[in-house]
Amino acid sequence: MARHSETDGDPWDRLASRYGAQERWEHAAIDAALRVAAPRADERLVDLGTGTGLLLRRLAAGGPDIRPRHAVGVDRSARMLAAVGELAPGWSLRQADARAVPLPDGWADIVTCAYVLHVLSAPQRAALLGEARRLLAPRAASRLVVVTVWSDRAAARAALRLLTRGLGGSGVGLRPLDPSADLERAGFALAQRVRPPRHGYPSLVLGAKPALPTC
């Protein structure tokens, strides 16, 4: 579920070998995110907090017509990245913090970030979204797509919080978050809000565009 935490050392290295067992609960939201992203073959995509590469694998399975010419999966966990497997031609992985990606300004047409924001503090979310904005090319078609754990029902959100506490921190990825306000503070304009089918984690998919400088 989540790719990053605020603790020293990386617990996701320890989880990498068994992380794939829960990926089926992410499929519906990841597929919805890819529909919102609507990548084209001539575009470049960066997946922040790619983990074991589920988003990249689902994207590659869609065929060459929607497969970007270049896609980069970024994660700080070496063991997560080792579990990604073979990539499509022209795609690559970078071991790096999602808040400091070794790519030039404006490199990407699309930035995705799935099941990451809800395990970060507000300042960390701001830093990650600032990095996403830096990576996006200053064009009207550039876009950001994020996925978080979320439910529209207050009772369901409360249950998720209780479950997270009951798991002693190991369920941190279940902490619900609607990051709309974070996106707006980072200079993004919300464009789409999608609730995926209820086949997996209760999730929210947001599509946004960076505010462009005015003349």
C-alpha atoms as a PDB file:
ATOM      1  CA  MET A   1       0.000   0.000   0.000  1.00  0.00           C
ATOM      2  CA  ALA A   2       2.456   2.697   1.048  1.00  0.00           C
ATOM      3  CA  ARG A   3       5.970   3.238  -0.246  1.00  0.00           C
ATOM      4  CA  HIS A   4       7.426   5.673   2.282  1.00  0.00           C
ATOM      5  CA  SER A   5       7.415   6.248   6.010  1.00  0.00           C
ATOM      6  CA  GLU A   6       8.808   8.864   8.348  1.00  0.00           C
ATOM      7  CA  THR A   7      11.008   6.495  10.353  1.00  0.00           C
ATOM      8  CA  ASP A   8      14.763   6.085   9.968  1.00  0.00           C
ATOM      9  CA  GLY A   9      15.698   3.047   7.929  1.00  0.00           C
ATOM     10  CA  ASP A  10      13.274   1.812   5.360  1.00  0.00           C
ATOM     11  CA  PRO A  11      10.617  -0.622   6.590  1.00  0.00           C
ATOM     12  CA  TRP A  12       9.538  -1.142   2.989  1.00  0.00           C
ATOM     13  CA  ASP A  13      12.801  -2.978   2.366  1.00  0.00           C
ATOM     14  CA  ARG A  14      11.630  -5.512   4.950  1.00  0.00           C
ATOM     15  CA  LEU A  15       8.160  -5.730   3.393  1.00  0.00           C
ATOM     16  CA  ALA A  16       9.288  -5.983  -0.229  1.00  0.00           C
ATOM     17  CA  SER A  17       9.312  -9.785  -0.422  1.00  0.00           C
ATOM     18  CA  ARG A  18       5.659 -10.070   0.608  1.00  0.00           C
ATOM     19  CA  TYR A  19       4.283  -6.750  -0.603  1.00  0.00           C
ATOM     20  CA  GLY A  20       2.940  -8.269  -3.804  1.00  0.00           C
ATOM     21  CA  ALA A  21       0.445 -10.394  -1.874  1.00  0.00           C
ATOM     22  CA  GLN A  22      -1.773  -7.347  -1.269  1.00  0.00           C
ATOM     23  CA  GLU A  23      -1.441  -5.682  -4.665  1.00  0.00           C
ATOM     24  CA  ARG A  24      -4.761  -7.110  -5.850  1.00  0.00           C
ATOM     25  CA  TRP A  25      -6.452  -4.672  -3.440  1.00  0.00           C
ATOM     26  CA  GLU A  26      -4.875  -1.785  -5.351  1.00  0.00           C
ATOM     27  CA  HIS A  27      -5.771  -2.846  -8.899  1.00  0.00           C
ATOM     28  CA  ALA A  28      -9.094  -0.999  -9.246  1.00  0.00           C
ATOM     29  CA  ALA A  29      -7.691   2.318  -8.045  1.00  0.00           C
ATOM     30  CA  ILE A  30      -4.492   2.006 -10.088  1.00  0.00           C
ATOM     31  CA  ASP A  31      -6.483   1.263 -13.244  1.00  0.00           C
ATOM     32  CA  ALA A  32      -8.734   4.260 -12.518  1.00  0.00           C
ATOM     33  CA  ALA A  33      -5.639   6.432 -12.068  1.00  0.00           C
ATOM     34  CA  LEU A  34      -4.298   5.340 -15.437  1.00  0.00           C
ATOM     35  CA  ARG A  35      -7.606   6.222 -17.075  1.00  0.00           C
ATOM     36  CA  VAL A  36      -7.382   9.677 -15.529  1.00  0.00           C
ATOM     37  CA  ALA A  37      -3.739  10.040 -16.596  1.00  0.00           C
ATOM     38  CA  ALA A  38      -4.608   8.937 -20.162  1.00  0.00           C
ATOM     39  CA  PRO A  39      -0.956   8.664 -21.261  1.00  0.00           C
ATOM     40  CA  ARG A  40       0.019   8.846 -24.917  1.00  0.00           C
ATOM     41  CA  ALA A  41       2.856   7.096 -26.676  1.00  0.00           C
ATOM     42  CA  ASP A  42       4.772  10.363 -27.230  1.00  0.00           C
ATOM     43  CA  GLU A  43       4.742  11.385 -23.553  1.00  0.00           C
ATOM     44  CA  ARG A  44       7.027  10.871 -20.562  1.00  0.00           C
ATOM     45  CA  LEU A  45       5.818   9.702 -17.147  1.00  0.00           C
ATOM     46  CA  VAL A  46       7.332   9.654 -13.665  1.00  0.00           C
ATOM     47  CA  ASP A  47       5.814   7.388 -10.998  1.00  0.00           C
ATOM     48  CA  LEU A  48       6.760   8.683  -7.545  1.00  0.00           C
ATOM     49  CA  GLY A  49       6.912   6.011  -4.845  1.00  0.00           C
ATOM     50  CA  THR A  50       6.617   3.267  -7.427  1.00  0.00           C
ATOM     51  CA  GLY A  51       7.271   0.488  -4.875  1.00  0.00           C
ATOM     52  CA  THR A  52       7.139  -2.881  -6.649  1.00  0.00           C
ATOM     53  CA  GLY A  53       6.043  -1.181  -9.865  1.00  0.00           C
ATOM     54  CA  LEU A  54       2.358  -2.103  -9.948  1.00  0.00           C
ATOM     55  CA  LEU A  55       1.353   1.088 -11.759  1.00  0.00           C
ATOM     56  CA  LEU A  56       4.109   0.599 -14.334  1.00  0.00           C
ATOM     57  CA  ARG A  57       3.120  -3.024 -14.908  1.00  0.00           C
ATOM     58  CA  ARG A  58      -0.568  -2.165 -15.319  1.00  0.00           C
ATOM     59  CA  LEU A  59       0.394   0.622 -17.701  1.00  0.00           C
ATOM     60  CA  ALA A  60       2.639  -1.658 -19.778  1.00  0.00           C
ATOM     61  CA  ALA A  61      -0.157  -4.224 -20.047  1.00  0.00           C
ATOM     62  CA  GLY A  62      -2.349  -1.639 -21.769  1.00  0.00           C
ATOM     63  CA  GLY A  63      -0.426  -1.947 -25.012  1.00  0.00           C
ATOM     64  CA  PRO A  64       1.829   0.322 -27.089  1.00  0.00           C
ATOM     65  CA  ASP A  65      -0.852   2.884 -27.979  1.00  0.00           C
ATOM     66  CA  ILE A  66      -1.056   4.110 -24.368  1.00  0.00           C
ATOM     67  CA  ARG A  67       2.482   3.238 -23.349  1.00  0.00           C
ATOM     68  CA  PRO A  68       4.651   6.342 -22.870  1.00  0.00           C
ATOM     69  CA  ARG A  69       7.951   6.340 -24.718  1.00  0.00           C
ATOM     70  CA  HIS A  70       9.736   6.938 -21.414  1.00  0.00           C
ATOM     71  CA  ALA A  71       8.558   6.085 -17.900  1.00  0.00           C
ATOM     72  CA  VAL A  72      10.622   6.306 -14.728  1.00  0.00           C
ATOM     73  CA  GLY A  73       9.695   4.610 -11.460  1.00  0.00           C
ATOM     74  CA  VAL A  74      11.177   6.324  -8.400  1.00  0.00           C
ATOM     75  CA  ASP A  75      11.445   4.762  -4.948  1.00  0.00           C
ATOM     76  CA  ARG A  76      13.926   4.951  -2.106  1.00  0.00           C
ATOM     77  CA  SER A  77      13.630   1.236  -1.248  1.00  0.00           C
ATOM     78  CA  ALA A  78      16.169  -0.838  -3.164  1.00  0.00           C
ATOM     79  CA  ARG A  79      14.363  -4.076  -2.366  1.00  0.00           C
ATOM     80  CA  MET A  80      11.045  -2.745  -3.591  1.00  0.00           C
ATOM     81  CA  LEU A  81      12.677  -1.732  -6.858  1.00  0.00           C
ATOM     82  CA  ALA A  82      14.332  -5.150  -7.150  1.00  0.00           C
ATOM     83  CA  ALA A  83      10.842  -6.701  -7.144  1.00  0.00           C
ATOM     84  CA  VAL A  84       9.596  -4.610 -10.084  1.00  0.00           C
ATOM     85  CA  GLY A  85      10.754  -7.065 -12.752  1.00  0.00           C
ATOM     86  CA  GLU A  86      11.383  -6.408 -16.426  1.00  0.00           C
ATOM     87  CA  LEU A  87      10.360  -3.009 -17.750  1.00  0.00           C
ATOM     88  CA  ALA A  88       9.082  -1.944 -21.145  1.00  0.00           C
ATOM     89  CA  PRO A  89      11.714  -0.649 -23.592  1.00  0.00           C
ATOM     90  CA  GLY A  90      12.741   2.912 -22.770  1.00  0.00           C
ATOM     91  CA  TRP A  91      11.581   2.680 -19.154  1.00  0.00           C
ATOM     92  CA  SER A  92      13.837   2.822 -16.092  1.00  0.00           C
ATOM     93  CA  LEU A  93      13.977   2.875 -12.299  1.00  0.00           C
ATOM     94  CA  ARG A  94      15.680   5.363  -9.992  1.00  0.00           C
ATOM     95  CA  GLN A  95      16.459   4.731  -6.353  1.00  0.00           C
ATOM     96  CA  ALA A  96      15.787   8.125  -4.809  1.00  0.00           C
ATOM     97  CA  ASP A  97      13.546   9.946  -2.393  1.00  0.00           C
ATOM     98  CA  ALA A  98      10.375  11.076  -4.153  1.00  0.00           C
ATOM     99  CA  ARG A  99      11.016  14.578  -2.829  1.00  0.00           C
ATOM    100  CA  ALA A 100      14.395  14.862  -4.595  1.00  0.00           C
ATOM    101  CA  VAL A 101      14.274  13.090  -7.965  1.00  0.00           C
ATOM    102  CA  PRO A 102      17.429  13.138 -10.135  1.00  0.00           C
ATOM    103  CA  LEU A 103      15.646  14.339 -13.280  1.00  0.00           C
ATOM    104  CA  PRO A 104      15.690  17.783 -14.923  1.00  0.00           C
ATOM    105  CA  ASP A 105      13.028  20.431 -14.422  1.00  0.00           C
ATOM    106  CA  GLY A 106      10.067  19.911 -16.728  1.00  0.00           C
ATOM    107  CA  TRP A 107      11.121  16.403 -17.773  1.00  0.00           C
ATOM    108  CA  ALA A 108       7.687  14.801 -17.426  1.00  0.00           C
ATOM    109  CA  ASP A 109       4.324  15.199 -19.113  1.00  0.00           C
ATOM    110  CA  ILE A 110       2.656  13.091 -16.405  1.00  0.00           C
ATOM    111  CA  VAL A 111       3.517  12.477 -12.753  1.00  0.00           C
ATOM    112  CA  THR A 112       1.714   9.750 -10.823  1.00  0.00           C
ATOM    113  CA  CYS A 113       1.822   9.062  -7.096  1.00  0.00           C
ATOM    114  CA  ALA A 114      -0.201   6.120  -5.808  1.00  0.00           C
ATOM    115  CA  TYR A 115      -0.680   5.173  -2.150  1.00  0.00           C
ATOM    116  CA  VAL A 116       2.064   7.469  -0.865  1.00  0.00           C
ATOM    117  CA  LEU A 117       0.672  10.811   0.302  1.00  0.00           C
ATOM    118  CA  HIS A 118      -1.391   9.394   3.150  1.00  0.00           C
ATOM    119  CA  VAL A 119       1.688   8.101   4.990  1.00  0.00           C
ATOM    120  CA  LEU A 120       3.464  11.468   4.922  1.00  0.00           C
ATOM    121  CA  SER A 121       3.184  14.450   7.224  1.00  0.00           C
ATOM    122  CA  ALA A 122       1.795  17.701   5.817  1.00  0.00           C
ATOM    123  CA  PRO A 123       5.293  19.221   5.281  1.00  0.00           C
ATOM    124  CA  GLN A 124       6.458  16.049   3.544  1.00  0.00           C
ATOM    125  CA  ARG A 125       3.388  16.044   1.306  1.00  0.00           C
ATOM    126  CA  ALA A 126       4.121  19.651   0.402  1.00  0.00           C
ATOM    127  CA  ALA A 127       7.709  18.756  -0.491  1.00  0.00           C
ATOM    128  CA  LEU A 128       6.674  15.795  -2.630  1.00  0.00           C
ATOM    129  CA  LEU A 129       4.025  17.786  -4.483  1.00  0.00           C
ATOM    130  CA  GLY A 130       6.507  20.595  -5.008  1.00  0.00           C
ATOM    131  CA  GLU A 131       8.847  18.074  -6.596  1.00  0.00           C
ATOM    132  CA  ALA A 132       6.021  16.781  -8.789  1.00  0.00           C
ATOM    133  CA  ARG A 133       5.375  20.306  -9.984  1.00  0.00           C
ATOM    134  CA  ARG A 134       9.066  20.836 -10.726  1.00  0.00           C
ATOM    135  CA  LEU A 135       9.155  17.655 -12.796  1.00  0.00           C
ATOM    136  CA  LEU A 136       6.134  18.568 -14.900  1.00  0.00           C
ATOM    137  CA  ALA A 137       6.742  20.393 -18.148  1.00  0.00           C
ATOM    138  CA  PRO A 138       5.241  23.922 -18.217  1.00  0.00           C
ATOM    139  CA  ARG A 139       2.523  22.962 -20.685  1.00  0.00           C
ATOM    140  CA  ALA A 140      -1.253  23.031 -20.445  1.00  0.00           C
ATOM    141  CA  ALA A 141      -1.414  19.271 -21.073  1.00  0.00           C
ATOM    142  CA  SER A 142       0.878  18.368 -18.144  1.00  0.00           C
ATOM    143  CA  ARG A 143      -0.889  16.552 -15.334  1.00  0.00           C
ATOM    144  CA  LEU A 144      -0.550  14.956 -11.933  1.00  0.00           C
ATOM    145  CA  VAL A 145      -2.564  11.938 -10.767  1.00  0.00           C
ATOM    146  CA  VAL A 146      -2.568  10.807  -7.135  1.00  0.00           C
ATOM    147  CA  VAL A 147      -4.210   7.884  -5.334  1.00  0.00           C
ATOM    148  CA  THR A 148      -4.873   7.788  -1.596  1.00  0.00           C
ATOM    149  CA  VAL A 149      -6.817   5.623   0.798  1.00  0.00           C
ATOM    150  CA  TRP A 150     -10.112   7.406   1.412  1.00  0.00           C
ATOM    151  CA  SER A 151     -13.818   6.873   1.971  1.00  0.00           C
ATOM    152  CA  ASP A 152     -16.669   9.355   1.604  1.00  0.00           C
ATOM    153  CA  ARG A 153     -18.285   7.798   4.675  1.00  0.00           C
ATOM    154  CA  ALA A 154     -17.159   9.176   8.045  1.00  0.00           C
ATOM    155  CA  ALA A 155     -17.770   5.828   9.722  1.00  0.00           C
ATOM    156  CA  ALA A 156     -15.501   4.046   7.259  1.00  0.00           C
ATOM    157  CA  ARG A 157     -12.740   6.615   7.764  1.00  0.00           C
ATOM    158  CA  ALA A 158     -13.006   6.199  11.521  1.00  0.00           C
ATOM    159  CA  ALA A 159     -12.785   2.418  11.140  1.00  0.00           C
ATOM    160  CA  LEU A 160      -9.653   2.749   9.032  1.00  0.00           C
ATOM    161  CA  ARG A 161      -8.034   4.967  11.655  1.00  0.00           C
ATOM    162  CA  LEU A 162      -8.887   2.497  14.403  1.00  0.00           C
ATOM    163  CA  LEU A 163      -7.487  -0.372  12.345  1.00  0.00           C
ATOM    164  CA  THR A 164      -4.283   1.552  11.729  1.00  0.00           C
ATOM    165  CA  ARG A 165      -3.816   2.149  15.461  1.00  0.00           C
ATOM    166  CA  GLY A 166      -4.710  -1.441  16.235  1.00  0.00           C
ATOM    167  CA  LEU A 167      -1.992  -2.689  13.927  1.00  0.00           C
ATOM    168  CA  GLY A 168       0.605  -0.825  15.970  1.00  0.00           C
ATOM    169  CA  GLY A 169       1.772   1.324  13.092  1.00  0.00           C
ATOM    170  CA  SER A 170       2.181  -1.487  10.563  1.00  0.00           C
ATOM    171  CA  GLY A 171      -1.150  -0.429   9.087  1.00  0.00           C
ATOM    172  CA  VAL A 172      -0.022   3.142   8.486  1.00  0.00           C
ATOM    173  CA  GLY A 173      -0.905   2.753   4.804  1.00  0.00           C
ATOM    174  CA  LEU A 174      -4.596   2.543   5.767  1.00  0.00           C
ATOM    175  CA  ARG A 175      -4.671   6.106   7.139  1.00  0.00           C
ATOM    176  CA  PRO A 176      -7.337   7.920   5.087  1.00  0.00           C
ATOM    177  CA  LEU A 177      -6.536  11.206   3.359  1.00  0.00           C
ATOM    178  CA  ASP A 178      -8.267  13.476   0.873  1.00  0.00           C
ATOM    179  CA  PRO A 179      -5.279  15.480  -0.433  1.00  0.00           C
ATOM    180  CA  SER A 180      -7.328  18.066  -2.357  1.00  0.00           C
ATOM    181  CA  ALA A 181      -6.202  20.917  -0.113  1.00  0.00           C
ATOM    182  CA  ASP A 182      -2.570  19.774  -0.328  1.00  0.00           C
ATOM    183  CA  LEU A 183      -2.745  19.866  -4.119  1.00  0.00           C
ATOM    184  CA  GLU A 184      -4.237  23.348  -4.152  1.00  0.00           C
ATOM    185  CA  ARG A 185      -1.621  24.673  -1.723  1.00  0.00           C
ATOM    186  CA  ALA A 186       1.099  23.213  -3.962  1.00  0.00           C
ATOM    187  CA  GLY A 187      -0.212  25.193  -6.934  1.00  0.00           C
ATOM    188  CA  PHE A 188      -2.288  22.524  -8.652  1.00  0.00           C
ATOM    189  CA  ALA A 189      -5.808  22.980  -9.988  1.00  0.00           C
ATOM    190  CA  LEU A 190      -8.068  19.975  -9.450  1.00  0.00           C
ATOM    191  CA  ALA A 191      -9.405  18.581 -12.716  1.00  0.00           C
ATOM    192  CA  GLN A 192     -10.900  15.179 -11.862  1.00  0.00           C
ATOM    193  CA  ARG A 193     -12.095  13.387  -8.750  1.00  0.00           C
ATOM    194  CA  VAL A 194     -12.833   9.678  -9.121  1.00  0.00           C
ATOM    195  CA  ARG A 195     -13.991   7.055  -6.649  1.00  0.00           C
ATOM    196  CA  PRO A 196     -12.897   3.670  -8.070  1.00  0.00           C
ATOM    197  CA  PRO A 197     -15.214   0.651  -7.893  1.00  0.00           C
ATOM    198  CA  ARG A 198     -15.309  -0.888  -4.428  1.00  0.00           C
ATOM    199  CA  HIS A 199     -13.045  -3.809  -5.273  1.00  0.00           C
ATOM    200  CA  GLY A 200     -10.112  -3.292  -2.945  1.00  0.00           C
ATOM    201  CA  TYR A 201      -8.951  -0.545  -0.628  1.00  0.00           C
ATOM    202  CA  PRO A 202     -11.405   2.359  -0.339  1.00  0.00           C
ATOM    203  CA  SER A 203      -9.571   4.904  -2.444  1.00  0.00           C
ATOM    204  CA  LEU A 204      -9.684   8.318  -4.046  1.00  0.00           C
ATOM    205  CA  VAL A 205      -8.115   9.258  -7.385  1.00  0.00           C
ATOM    206  CA  LEU A 206      -7.433  12.931  -8.090  1.00  0.00           C
ATOM    207  CA  GLY A 207      -6.281  14.418 -11.371  1.00  0.00           C
ATOM    208  CA  ALA A 208      -4.756  17.910 -11.308  1.00  0.00           C
ATOM    209  CA  LYS A 209      -2.916  20.367 -13.500  1.00  0.00           C
ATOM    210  CA  PRO A 210      -0.155  22.733 -12.441  1.00  0.00           C
ATOM    211  CA  ALA A 211      -1.026  26.397 -12.489  1.00  0.00           C
ATOM    212  CA  LEU A 212       0.842  27.969 -15.382  1.00  0.00           C
ATOM    213  CA  PRO A 213       2.515  31.396 -15.167  1.00  0.00           C
ATOM    214  CA  THR A 214       0.485  34.229 -16.645  1.00  0.00           C
ATOM    215  CA  CYS A 215       1.918  36.562 -19.225  1.00  0.00           C
END
